[in-house]
């Protein structure tokens, strides 16, 4: 894939980043140089996404959390 733009030094937090459009966005942003943090309420999906995208040279981390419930 040709790199039209670069996001080096940027960090992107992608909620719902373990499937569908969120995962595709996480991959593309990571391929273009950003560090990516995906969060999901499914720990297994977080772990699998990190493994899959690291294989594509994406600097990725995951956070297991459920944003549908208030913290306070």
PDB file of N, CA and C in Angstrom:
ATOM      1  N   UNK A   1       0.835  -1.176   0.000  1.00  0.00           N
ATOM      2  CA  UNK A   1       0.000   0.000   0.000  1.00  0.00           C
ATOM      3  C   UNK A   1       0.879   1.238   0.000  1.00  0.00           C
ATOM      4  N   UNK A   2       0.616   2.164  -0.896  1.00  0.00           N
ATOM      5  CA  UNK A   2       1.364   3.415  -0.955  1.00  0.00           C
ATOM      6  C   UNK A   2       0.985   4.285   0.232  1.00  0.00           C
ATOM      7  N   UNK A   3       1.984   4.881   0.855  1.00  0.00           N
ATOM      8  CA  UNK A   3       1.738   5.729   2.016  1.00  0.00           C
ATOM      9  C   UNK A   3       1.600   7.176   1.558  1.00  0.00           C
ATOM     10  N   UNK A   4       0.364   7.635   1.437  1.00  0.00           N
ATOM     11  CA  UNK A   4       0.075   8.977   0.955  1.00  0.00           C
ATOM     12  C   UNK A   4       0.376  10.022   2.021  1.00  0.00           C
ATOM     13  N   UNK A   5       0.155   9.690   3.256  1.00  0.00           N
ATOM     14  CA  UNK A   5       0.404  10.608   4.356  1.00  0.00           C
ATOM     15  C   UNK A   5       1.034   9.844   5.513  1.00  0.00           C
ATOM     16  N   UNK A   6       1.662  10.568   6.434  1.00  0.00           N
ATOM     17  CA  UNK A   6       2.320   9.944   7.570  1.00  0.00           C
ATOM     18  C   UNK A   6       1.715  10.474   8.867  1.00  0.00           C
ATOM     19  N   UNK A   7       1.608   9.596   9.851  1.00  0.00           N
ATOM     20  CA  UNK A   7       1.087   9.954  11.161  1.00  0.00           C
ATOM     21  C   UNK A   7       2.106   9.648  12.256  1.00  0.00           C
ATOM     22  N   UNK A   8       3.373   9.644  11.901  1.00  0.00           N
ATOM     23  CA  UNK A   8       4.432   9.361  12.877  1.00  0.00           C
ATOM     24  C   UNK A   8       4.319  10.324  14.054  1.00  0.00           C
ATOM     25  N   UNK A   9       4.489   9.790  15.263  1.00  0.00           N
ATOM     26  CA  UNK A   9       4.437  10.607  16.460  1.00  0.00           C
ATOM     27  C   UNK A   9       3.033  10.845  16.988  1.00  0.00           C
ATOM     28  N   UNK A  10       2.022  10.387  16.285  1.00  0.00           N
ATOM     29  CA  UNK A  10       0.638  10.552  16.721  1.00  0.00           C
ATOM     30  C   UNK A  10       0.162   9.282  17.408  1.00  0.00           C
ATOM     31  N   UNK A  11      -0.827   9.428  18.289  1.00  0.00           N
ATOM     32  CA  UNK A  11      -1.448   8.288  18.966  1.00  0.00           C
ATOM     33  C   UNK A  11      -2.941   8.352  18.699  1.00  0.00           C
ATOM     34  N   UNK A  12      -3.515   7.233  18.283  1.00  0.00           N
ATOM     35  CA  UNK A  12      -4.949   7.167  17.996  1.00  0.00           C
ATOM     36  C   UNK A  12      -5.608   6.173  18.944  1.00  0.00           C
ATOM     37  N   UNK A  13      -6.686   6.590  19.594  1.00  0.00           N
ATOM     38  CA  UNK A  13      -7.491   5.712  20.431  1.00  0.00           C
ATOM     39  C   UNK A  13      -8.730   5.342  19.630  1.00  0.00           C
ATOM     40  N   UNK A  14      -8.896   4.057  19.349  1.00  0.00           N
ATOM     41  CA  UNK A  14     -10.015   3.580  18.549  1.00  0.00           C
ATOM     42  C   UNK A  14     -10.926   2.748  19.448  1.00  0.00           C
ATOM     43  N   UNK A  15     -12.113   3.272  19.750  1.00  0.00           N
ATOM     44  CA  UNK A  15     -13.083   2.493  20.507  1.00  0.00           C
ATOM     45  C   UNK A  15     -13.773   1.556  19.525  1.00  0.00           C
ATOM     46  N   UNK A  16     -14.033   0.347  19.946  1.00  0.00           N
ATOM     47  CA  UNK A  16     -14.609  -0.639  19.032  1.00  0.00           C
ATOM     48  C   UNK A  16     -13.617  -1.042  17.960  1.00  0.00           C
ATOM     49  N   UNK A  17     -12.338  -0.993  18.302  1.00  0.00           N
ATOM     50  CA  UNK A  17     -11.286  -1.223  17.322  1.00  0.00           C
ATOM     51  C   UNK A  17     -10.909  -2.671  17.109  1.00  0.00           C
ATOM     52  N   UNK A  18     -11.714  -3.592  17.602  1.00  0.00           N
ATOM     53  CA  UNK A  18     -11.363  -5.008  17.454  1.00  0.00           C
ATOM     54  C   UNK A  18     -12.166  -5.721  16.380  1.00  0.00           C
ATOM     55  N   UNK A  19     -13.063  -4.990  15.709  1.00  0.00           N
ATOM     56  CA  UNK A  19     -13.842  -5.628  14.644  1.00  0.00           C
ATOM     57  C   UNK A  19     -14.371  -4.576  13.674  1.00  0.00           C
ATOM     58  N   UNK A  20     -14.775  -5.033  12.523  1.00  0.00           N
ATOM     59  CA  UNK A  20     -15.438  -4.184  11.545  1.00  0.00           C
ATOM     60  C   UNK A  20     -14.663  -2.945  11.148  1.00  0.00           C
ATOM     61  N   UNK A  21     -15.403  -1.844  11.041  1.00  0.00           N
ATOM     62  CA  UNK A  21     -14.799  -0.582  10.602  1.00  0.00           C
ATOM     63  C   UNK A  21     -13.750  -0.076  11.579  1.00  0.00           C
ATOM     64  N   UNK A  22     -13.975  -0.265  12.880  1.00  0.00           N
ATOM     65  CA  UNK A  22     -12.992   0.179  13.870  1.00  0.00           C
ATOM     66  C   UNK A  22     -11.654  -0.503  13.686  1.00  0.00           C
ATOM     67  N   UNK A  23     -11.695  -1.792  13.429  1.00  0.00           N
ATOM     68  CA  UNK A  23     -10.455  -2.545  13.217  1.00  0.00           C
ATOM     69  C   UNK A  23      -9.769  -2.104  11.926  1.00  0.00           C
ATOM     70  N   UNK A  24     -10.546  -1.865  10.878  1.00  0.00           N
ATOM     71  CA  UNK A  24      -9.977  -1.400   9.607  1.00  0.00           C
ATOM     72  C   UNK A  24      -9.328  -0.036   9.777  1.00  0.00           C
ATOM     73  N   UNK A  25      -9.967   0.840  10.528  1.00  0.00           N
ATOM     74  CA  UNK A  25      -9.400   2.163  10.788  1.00  0.00           C
ATOM     75  C   UNK A  25      -8.115   2.037  11.597  1.00  0.00           C
ATOM     76  N   UNK A  26      -8.127   1.192  12.619  1.00  0.00           N
ATOM     77  CA  UNK A  26      -6.927   0.985  13.434  1.00  0.00           C
ATOM     78  C   UNK A  26      -5.766   0.510  12.570  1.00  0.00           C
ATOM     79  N   UNK A  27      -6.046  -0.423  11.680  1.00  0.00           N
ATOM     80  CA  UNK A  27      -4.997  -0.943  10.801  1.00  0.00           C
ATOM     81  C   UNK A  27      -4.447   0.145   9.884  1.00  0.00           C
ATOM     82  N   UNK A  28      -5.315   0.882   9.235  1.00  0.00           N
ATOM     83  CA  UNK A  28      -4.862   1.915   8.292  1.00  0.00           C
ATOM     84  C   UNK A  28      -4.094   3.028   8.993  1.00  0.00           C
ATOM     85  N   UNK A  29      -4.598   3.483  10.126  1.00  0.00           N
ATOM     86  CA  UNK A  29      -3.899   4.534  10.857  1.00  0.00           C
ATOM     87  C   UNK A  29      -2.534   4.031  11.307  1.00  0.00           C
ATOM     88  N   UNK A  30      -2.470   2.776  11.756  1.00  0.00           N
ATOM     89  CA  UNK A  30      -1.197   2.193  12.177  1.00  0.00           C
ATOM     90  C   UNK A  30      -0.218   2.022  11.034  1.00  0.00           C
ATOM     91  N   UNK A  31      -0.707   1.596   9.890  1.00  0.00           N
ATOM     92  CA  UNK A  31       0.156   1.441   8.714  1.00  0.00           C
ATOM     93  C   UNK A  31       0.774   2.776   8.318  1.00  0.00           C
ATOM     94  N   UNK A  32       0.048   3.858   8.572  1.00  0.00           N
ATOM     95  CA  UNK A  32       0.541   5.191   8.226  1.00  0.00           C
ATOM     96  C   UNK A  32       1.383   5.813   9.335  1.00  0.00           C
ATOM     97  N   UNK A  33       1.748   5.031  10.363  1.00  0.00           N
ATOM     98  CA  UNK A  33       2.757   5.464  11.314  1.00  0.00           C
ATOM     99  C   UNK A  33       2.298   5.806  12.712  1.00  0.00           C
ATOM    100  N   UNK A  34       1.009   5.927  12.959  1.00  0.00           N
ATOM    101  CA  UNK A  34       0.545   6.266  14.300  1.00  0.00           C
ATOM    102  C   UNK A  34       0.648   5.063  15.230  1.00  0.00           C
ATOM    103  N   UNK A  35       0.824   5.331  16.499  1.00  0.00           N
ATOM    104  CA  UNK A  35       0.660   4.293  17.505  1.00  0.00           C
ATOM    105  C   UNK A  35      -0.839   4.174  17.744  1.00  0.00           C
ATOM    106  N   UNK A  36      -1.321   2.955  17.867  1.00  0.00           N
ATOM    107  CA  UNK A  36      -2.761   2.725  17.955  1.00  0.00           C
ATOM    108  C   UNK A  36      -3.101   2.040  19.276  1.00  0.00           C
ATOM    109  N   UNK A  37      -4.148   2.539  19.914  1.00  0.00           N
ATOM    110  CA  UNK A  37      -4.703   1.901  21.106  1.00  0.00           C
ATOM    111  C   UNK A  37      -6.143   1.540  20.766  1.00  0.00           C
ATOM    112  N   UNK A  38      -6.465   0.252  20.817  1.00  0.00           N
ATOM    113  CA  UNK A  38      -7.847  -0.182  20.599  1.00  0.00           C
ATOM    114  C   UNK A  38      -8.450  -0.553  21.942  1.00  0.00           C
ATOM    115  N   UNK A  39      -9.725  -0.254  22.099  1.00  0.00           N
ATOM    116  CA  UNK A  39     -10.378  -0.686  23.329  1.00  0.00           C
ATOM    117  C   UNK A  39     -11.675  -1.399  22.979  1.00  0.00           C
ATOM    118  N   UNK A  40     -12.002  -2.360  23.822  1.00  0.00           N
ATOM    119  CA  UNK A  40     -13.186  -3.179  23.606  1.00  0.00           C
ATOM    120  C   UNK A  40     -13.593  -3.798  24.934  1.00  0.00           C
ATOM    121  N   UNK A  41     -14.846  -4.222  25.003  1.00  0.00           N
ATOM    122  CA  UNK A  41     -15.306  -4.915  26.200  1.00  0.00           C
ATOM    123  C   UNK A  41     -15.104  -6.420  26.083  1.00  0.00           C
ATOM    124  N   UNK A  42     -14.338  -6.836  25.085  1.00  0.00           N
ATOM    125  CA  UNK A  42     -14.036  -8.251  24.856  1.00  0.00           C
ATOM    126  C   UNK A  42     -12.518  -8.439  24.909  1.00  0.00           C
ATOM    127  N   UNK A  43     -12.017  -8.925  26.056  1.00  0.00           N
ATOM    128  CA  UNK A  43     -10.565  -9.062  26.254  1.00  0.00           C
ATOM    129  C   UNK A  43      -9.918  -9.956  25.207  1.00  0.00           C
ATOM    130  N   UNK A  44     -10.570 -11.052  24.868  1.00  0.00           N
ATOM    131  CA  UNK A  44     -10.018 -11.969  23.868  1.00  0.00           C
ATOM    132  C   UNK A  44      -9.870 -11.268  22.517  1.00  0.00           C
ATOM    133  N   UNK A  45     -10.869 -10.482  22.139  1.00  0.00           N
ATOM    134  CA  UNK A  45     -10.794  -9.745  20.869  1.00  0.00           C
ATOM    135  C   UNK A  45      -9.669  -8.725  20.898  1.00  0.00           C
ATOM    136  N   UNK A  46      -9.455  -8.082  22.035  1.00  0.00           N
ATOM    137  CA  UNK A  46      -8.332  -7.140  22.181  1.00  0.00           C
ATOM    138  C   UNK A  46      -7.008  -7.846  21.914  1.00  0.00           C
ATOM    139  N   UNK A  47      -6.822  -8.979  22.573  1.00  0.00           N
ATOM    140  CA  UNK A  47      -5.569  -9.730  22.432  1.00  0.00           C
ATOM    141  C   UNK A  47      -5.360 -10.203  20.993  1.00  0.00           C
ATOM    142  N   UNK A  48      -6.409 -10.712  20.366  1.00  0.00           N
ATOM    143  CA  UNK A  48      -6.307 -11.208  18.988  1.00  0.00           C
ATOM    144  C   UNK A  48      -6.002 -10.082  18.009  1.00  0.00           C
ATOM    145  N   UNK A  49      -6.604  -8.920  18.216  1.00  0.00           N
ATOM    146  CA  UNK A  49      -6.364  -7.777  17.330  1.00  0.00           C
ATOM    147  C   UNK A  49      -4.930  -7.298  17.441  1.00  0.00           C
ATOM    148  N   UNK A  50      -4.401  -7.250  18.651  1.00  0.00           N
ATOM    149  CA  UNK A  50      -3.007  -6.837  18.844  1.00  0.00           C
ATOM    150  C   UNK A  50      -2.072  -7.794  18.103  1.00  0.00           C
ATOM    151  N   UNK A  51      -2.282  -9.077  18.261  1.00  0.00           N
ATOM    152  CA  UNK A  51      -1.431 -10.064  17.587  1.00  0.00           C
ATOM    153  C   UNK A  51      -1.518  -9.903  16.073  1.00  0.00           C
ATOM    154  N   UNK A  52      -2.732  -9.792  15.553  1.00  0.00           N
ATOM    155  CA  UNK A  52      -2.931  -9.693  14.102  1.00  0.00           C
ATOM    156  C   UNK A  52      -2.299  -8.437  13.517  1.00  0.00           C
ATOM    157  N   UNK A  53      -2.491  -7.299  14.168  1.00  0.00           N
ATOM    158  CA  UNK A  53      -1.979  -6.057  13.594  1.00  0.00           C
ATOM    159  C   UNK A  53      -0.488  -5.877  13.831  1.00  0.00           C
ATOM    160  N   UNK A  54       0.056  -6.468  14.891  1.00  0.00           N
ATOM    161  CA  UNK A  54       1.516  -6.422  15.071  1.00  0.00           C
ATOM    162  C   UNK A  54       2.210  -7.166  13.939  1.00  0.00           C
ATOM    163  N   UNK A  55       1.569  -8.211  13.418  1.00  0.00           N
ATOM    164  CA  UNK A  55       2.130  -8.941  12.280  1.00  0.00           C
ATOM    165  C   UNK A  55       2.196  -8.066  11.031  1.00  0.00           C
ATOM    166  N   UNK A  56       1.397  -7.000  11.001  1.00  0.00           N
ATOM    167  CA  UNK A  56       1.395  -6.057   9.871  1.00  0.00           C
ATOM    168  C   UNK A  56       2.211  -4.814  10.192  1.00  0.00           C
ATOM    169  N   UNK A  57       3.087  -4.929  11.201  1.00  0.00           N
ATOM    170  CA  UNK A  57       4.006  -3.861  11.617  1.00  0.00           C
ATOM    171  C   UNK A  57       3.286  -2.639  12.172  1.00  0.00           C
ATOM    172  N   UNK A  58       2.138  -2.846  12.789  1.00  0.00           N
ATOM    173  CA  UNK A  58       1.426  -1.754  13.437  1.00  0.00           C
ATOM    174  C   UNK A  58       1.857  -1.712  14.908  1.00  0.00           C
ATOM    175  N   UNK A  59       2.196  -0.513  15.384  1.00  0.00           N
ATOM    176  CA  UNK A  59       2.531  -0.315  16.799  1.00  0.00           C
ATOM    177  C   UNK A  59       1.208  -0.190  17.543  1.00  0.00           C
ATOM    178  N   UNK A  60       0.754  -1.287  18.159  1.00  0.00           N
ATOM    179  CA  UNK A  60      -0.598  -1.344  18.706  1.00  0.00           C
ATOM    180  C   UNK A  60      -0.601  -1.862  20.139  1.00  0.00           C
ATOM    181  N   UNK A  61      -1.520  -1.329  20.900  1.00  0.00           N
ATOM    182  CA  UNK A  61      -1.765  -1.731  22.281  1.00  0.00           C
ATOM    183  C   UNK A  61      -3.270  -1.883  22.441  1.00  0.00           C
ATOM    184  N   UNK A  62      -3.694  -2.567  23.486  1.00  0.00           N
ATOM    185  CA  UNK A  62      -5.133  -2.681  23.718  1.00  0.00           C
ATOM    186  C   UNK A  62      -5.471  -2.369  25.165  1.00  0.00           C
ATOM    187  N   UNK A  63      -6.703  -1.922  25.349  1.00  0.00           N
ATOM    188  CA  UNK A  63      -7.229  -1.647  26.677  1.00  0.00           C
ATOM    189  C   UNK A  63      -8.587  -2.329  26.757  1.00  0.00           C
ATOM    190  N   UNK A  64      -8.732  -3.196  27.729  1.00  0.00           N
ATOM    191  CA  UNK A  64     -10.001  -3.866  27.958  1.00  0.00           C
ATOM    192  C   UNK A  64     -10.870  -2.947  28.809  1.00  0.00           C
ATOM    193  N   UNK A  65     -11.979  -2.468  28.252  1.00  0.00           N
ATOM    194  CA  UNK A  65     -12.884  -1.601  29.007  1.00  0.00           C
ATOM    195  C   UNK A  65     -14.264  -1.629  28.373  1.00  0.00           C
ATOM    196  N   UNK A  66     -15.258  -1.283  29.168  1.00  0.00           N
ATOM    197  CA  UNK A  66     -16.637  -1.226  28.698  1.00  0.00           C
ATOM    198  C   UNK A  66     -17.111   0.215  28.818  1.00  0.00           C
ATOM    199  N   UNK A  67     -17.139   0.924  27.695  1.00  0.00           N
ATOM    200  CA  UNK A  67     -17.501   2.343  27.700  1.00  0.00           C
ATOM    201  C   UNK A  67     -19.014   2.552  27.767  1.00  0.00           C
ATOM    202  N   UNK A  68     -19.789   1.480  27.782  1.00  0.00           N
ATOM    203  CA  UNK A  68     -21.243   1.634  27.861  1.00  0.00           C
ATOM    204  C   UNK A  68     -21.715   1.846  29.295  1.00  0.00           C
ATOM    205  N   UNK A  69     -20.818   1.657  30.278  1.00  0.00           N
ATOM    206  CA  UNK A  69     -21.174   1.819  31.678  1.00  0.00           C
ATOM    207  C   UNK A  69     -20.397   2.971  32.296  1.00  0.00           C
ATOM    208  N   UNK A  70     -21.086   3.854  33.012  1.00  0.00           N
ATOM    209  CA  UNK A  70     -20.378   4.964  33.651  1.00  0.00           C
ATOM    210  C   UNK A  70     -19.402   4.475  34.714  1.00  0.00           C
ATOM    211  N   UNK A  71     -18.302   5.156  34.843  1.00  0.00           N
ATOM    212  CA  UNK A  71     -17.290   4.804  35.835  1.00  0.00           C
ATOM    213  C   UNK A  71     -17.716   5.309  37.213  1.00  0.00           C
ATOM    214  N   UNK A  72     -18.329   6.444  37.258  1.00  0.00           N
ATOM    215  CA  UNK A  72     -18.706   7.088  38.534  1.00  0.00           C
ATOM    216  C   UNK A  72     -20.048   6.566  39.013  1.00  0.00           C
TER     217      UNK A  72
END
